[in-house]
């Protein structure tokens, strides 16, 4: 015969403890999402990639009246090229 000792913890979760745990988890998820959104580098990454593509000659951009960079459609580039080469 082997002597097996069993240890068990008897915790009863009442509604107050459950509410506090759930609220704490929701608050932690909210503030983690807020932190990672604020510290996101997505705008810097997009600006870097667009500058590299433009300097490599793969895209053409223009700055609009708001100061934002916008892509020029290929149809406008082809039209300007045809006008320049027809003269």
Protein backbone atom coordinates (compact mmCIF):
# COMPACT_ATOMS: atom_id res chain seq x y z
CA UNK A 1 0.00 0.00 0.00
CA UNK A 2 1.17 3.45 -0.84
CA UNK A 3 0.41 6.46 1.23
CA UNK A 4 -0.84 9.25 -1.04
CA UNK A 5 -1.37 12.65 0.47
CA UNK A 6 -3.81 14.85 -1.34
CA UNK A 7 -3.82 18.60 -0.87
CA UNK A 8 -6.70 20.61 -2.09
CA UNK A 9 -7.54 24.25 -1.87
CA UNK A 10 -11.15 25.05 -1.35
CA UNK A 11 -11.86 28.55 -2.64
CA UNK A 12 -15.37 29.69 -3.19
CA UNK A 13 -15.73 32.54 -5.63
CA UNK A 14 -18.56 34.82 -4.73
CA UNK A 15 -20.01 37.43 -7.06
CA UNK A 16 -17.84 40.28 -5.72
CA UNK A 17 -14.55 38.45 -6.37
CA UNK A 18 -15.75 37.38 -9.81
CA UNK A 19 -16.76 40.96 -10.68
CA UNK A 20 -13.41 42.35 -9.51
CA UNK A 21 -11.44 39.76 -11.50
CA UNK A 22 -13.49 40.34 -14.66
CA UNK A 23 -13.25 44.12 -14.37
CA UNK A 24 -9.51 43.90 -13.76
CA UNK A 25 -9.01 41.73 -16.85
CA UNK A 26 -11.07 44.07 -19.02
CA UNK A 27 -9.20 47.11 -17.72
CA UNK A 28 -5.83 45.44 -18.33
CA UNK A 29 -6.80 44.57 -21.91
CA UNK A 30 -8.05 48.11 -22.54
CA UNK A 31 -4.90 49.81 -21.27
CA UNK A 32 -2.61 47.33 -23.05
CA UNK A 33 -4.39 48.07 -26.33
CA UNK A 34 -4.18 51.79 -25.69
CA UNK A 35 -0.47 51.56 -24.90
CA UNK A 36 0.37 49.57 -28.02
CA UNK A 37 -1.75 51.84 -30.24
CA UNK A 38 -0.01 54.98 -29.03
CA UNK A 39 3.44 53.47 -29.37
CA UNK A 40 2.77 52.07 -32.83
CA UNK A 41 5.34 52.73 -35.48
CA UNK A 42 3.00 52.18 -38.41
CA UNK A 43 3.04 55.78 -39.66
CA UNK A 44 6.83 55.94 -39.54
CA UNK A 45 7.11 52.61 -41.34
CA UNK A 46 4.73 53.67 -44.11
CA UNK A 47 6.54 56.98 -44.60
CA UNK A 48 9.91 55.19 -44.75
CA UNK A 49 8.70 52.64 -47.32
CA UNK A 50 7.08 55.33 -49.48
CA UNK A 51 10.29 57.41 -49.47
CA UNK A 52 12.36 54.36 -50.43
CA UNK A 53 9.96 53.40 -53.24
CA UNK A 54 9.90 56.95 -54.58
CA UNK A 55 13.68 57.32 -54.46
CA UNK A 56 13.98 54.00 -56.29
CA UNK A 57 11.62 55.21 -59.02
CA UNK A 58 8.92 52.62 -58.32
CA UNK A 59 6.15 55.09 -57.39
CA UNK A 60 5.42 58.76 -57.93
CA UNK A 61 3.95 60.91 -55.16
CA UNK A 62 2.76 64.46 -54.66
CA UNK A 63 2.08 66.53 -51.55
CA UNK A 64 -1.51 67.78 -51.35
CA UNK A 65 -2.81 70.97 -49.74
CA UNK A 66 -3.04 69.29 -46.31
CA UNK A 67 0.62 68.34 -46.41
CA UNK A 68 -0.11 64.64 -46.83
CA UNK A 69 1.65 62.52 -49.41
CA UNK A 70 -0.61 60.94 -52.02
CA UNK A 71 0.16 58.49 -54.77
CA UNK A 72 -0.23 59.61 -58.37
CA UNK A 73 -2.25 57.17 -60.50
CA UNK A 74 -0.38 55.44 -63.32
CA UNK A 75 -2.90 56.80 -65.86
CA UNK A 76 -1.76 60.38 -65.13
CA UNK A 77 1.89 59.41 -65.46
CA UNK A 78 1.26 57.73 -68.83
CA UNK A 79 -0.77 60.71 -70.07
CA UNK A 80 1.98 63.17 -69.06
CA UNK A 81 4.58 60.97 -70.75
CA UNK A 82 2.55 60.81 -73.98
CA UNK A 83 2.04 64.58 -74.00
CA UNK A 84 5.76 65.17 -73.40
CA UNK A 85 6.80 62.72 -76.14
CA UNK A 86 4.27 63.95 -78.74
CA UNK A 87 5.88 67.38 -79.04
